[in-house]
Amino acid sequence: MSNKPFDKPIYLRLPHDGRFRAWNVWEGLDYLERFWTGPKDIHYERAKKLCESALDGFTTPSRARGALVDAARHANLLLDAPRSDRTFAPTTRGQRFASAT
């Protein structure tokens, strides 16, 4: 199992006005498992399954990314990309950034 990068990052909502940037499949799965606040419906389950499959090499990172974007959009957790990534502070996996003021 190795890390699989996305072609471009996904920006996702965190609880309490935070934001999360997922650059790869591992970070996308981390978000789903630790920070997901939306319903754990069919969209969530599909995104989680495809992220796991991409990490195991059974599907592409692009397909996993598409499922994660779809799930986040349905749960109203998908954010627009910021104008600048300067507001990001790295975490161990994934990246969080403060809300713009």
Protein backbone atom coordinates (compact mmCIF):
# COMPACT_ATOMS: atom_id res chain seq x y z
CA MET A 1 0.00 0.00 0.00
CA SER A 2 1.47 3.36 -1.01
CA ASN A 3 0.31 6.93 -1.13
CA LYS A 4 -1.50 7.94 -4.30
CA PRO A 5 -1.59 11.67 -5.18
CA PHE A 6 -4.65 13.43 -6.57
CA ASP A 7 -4.20 15.52 -9.72
CA LYS A 8 -5.28 18.53 -7.62
CA PRO A 9 -6.23 18.90 -3.95
CA ILE A 10 -9.73 18.75 -2.52
CA TYR A 11 -10.77 21.39 0.01
CA LEU A 12 -13.20 20.16 2.65
CA ARG A 13 -15.05 21.65 5.60
CA LEU A 14 -13.99 20.76 9.16
CA PRO A 15 -16.13 21.18 12.26
CA HIS A 16 -15.94 24.58 13.97
CA ASP A 17 -15.09 26.65 10.86
CA GLY A 18 -11.97 24.72 9.94
CA ARG A 19 -10.88 23.59 6.50
CA PHE A 20 -8.98 20.53 5.32
CA ARG A 21 -6.89 20.08 2.18
CA ALA A 22 -6.47 16.53 0.86
CA TRP A 23 -3.63 16.15 -1.66
CA ASN A 24 -3.83 12.38 -1.95
CA VAL A 25 -5.90 9.27 -1.35
CA TRP A 26 -4.47 8.71 2.14
CA GLU A 27 -5.47 12.21 3.24
CA GLY A 28 -8.92 11.77 1.68
CA LEU A 29 -9.46 8.57 3.63
CA ASP A 30 -8.15 10.24 6.78
CA TYR A 31 -10.76 12.98 6.36
CA LEU A 32 -13.54 10.43 5.85
CA GLU A 33 -12.55 8.46 8.94
CA ARG A 34 -11.73 11.28 11.35
CA PHE A 35 -13.49 14.49 10.32
CA TRP A 36 -16.58 13.58 8.28
CA THR A 37 -19.65 15.29 9.77
CA GLY A 38 -22.11 14.53 6.98
CA PRO A 39 -24.43 11.55 6.72
CA LYS A 40 -22.70 8.21 6.29
CA ASP A 41 -24.87 7.38 3.32
CA ILE A 42 -24.22 5.60 0.03
CA HIS A 43 -22.04 8.49 -1.22
CA TYR A 44 -19.85 8.35 1.88
CA GLU A 45 -19.57 4.56 1.72
CA ARG A 46 -18.62 4.66 -1.96
CA ALA A 47 -15.95 7.31 -1.36
CA LYS A 48 -14.48 5.37 1.54
CA LYS A 49 -14.47 2.10 -0.41
CA LEU A 50 -12.84 3.68 -3.47
CA CYS A 51 -10.17 5.42 -1.36
CA GLU A 52 -9.32 2.09 0.28
CA SER A 53 -9.28 0.39 -3.12
CA ALA A 54 -7.01 3.08 -4.57
CA LEU A 55 -4.56 2.67 -1.69
CA ASP A 56 -4.49 -1.06 -2.37
CA GLY A 57 -3.95 -0.46 -6.09
CA PHE A 58 -7.31 -1.77 -7.27
CA THR A 59 -8.60 1.55 -8.65
CA THR A 60 -7.14 4.90 -9.63
CA PRO A 61 -6.62 7.95 -7.42
CA SER A 62 -8.72 9.88 -9.94
CA ARG A 63 -11.69 7.60 -9.36
CA ALA A 64 -11.28 7.85 -5.57
CA ARG A 65 -11.03 11.63 -5.83
CA GLY A 66 -14.21 11.80 -7.89
CA ALA A 67 -16.11 9.75 -5.32
CA LEU A 68 -14.82 11.89 -2.45
CA VAL A 69 -15.80 15.11 -4.25
CA ASP A 70 -19.25 13.65 -4.97
CA ALA A 71 -19.78 12.59 -1.34
CA ALA A 72 -18.56 15.93 0.01
CA ARG A 73 -20.79 17.83 -2.42
CA HIS A 74 -23.86 15.81 -1.35
CA ALA A 75 -23.03 16.45 2.34
CA ASN A 76 -22.33 20.16 1.75
CA LEU A 77 -18.72 19.69 2.91
CA LEU A 78 -16.94 20.62 -0.33
CA LEU A 79 -15.23 24.02 -0.37
CA ASP A 80 -13.88 26.14 -3.19
CA ALA A 81 -10.10 26.30 -3.48
CA PRO A 82 -8.67 29.30 -1.64
CA ARG A 83 -6.92 32.05 -3.57
CA SER A 84 -3.75 31.33 -1.60
CA ASP A 85 -2.48 28.30 0.30
CA ARG A 86 -0.59 30.53 2.74
CA THR A 87 -3.27 30.02 5.38
CA PHE A 88 -2.50 26.30 5.64
CA ALA A 89 -0.67 24.82 8.60
CA PRO A 90 0.56 21.24 8.06
CA THR A 91 -0.68 18.41 10.24
CA THR A 92 0.55 14.84 10.40
CA ARG A 93 -1.77 13.73 7.60
CA GLY A 94 -3.80 16.10 5.52
CA GLN A 95 -3.66 19.80 6.06
CA ARG A 96 -5.94 22.14 7.88
CA PHE A 97 -6.20 25.86 7.49
CA ALA A 98 -7.92 28.64 9.31
CA SER A 99 -10.95 30.40 7.94
CA ALA A 100 -10.17 33.57 6.05
CA THR A 101 -11.13 36.67 7.93
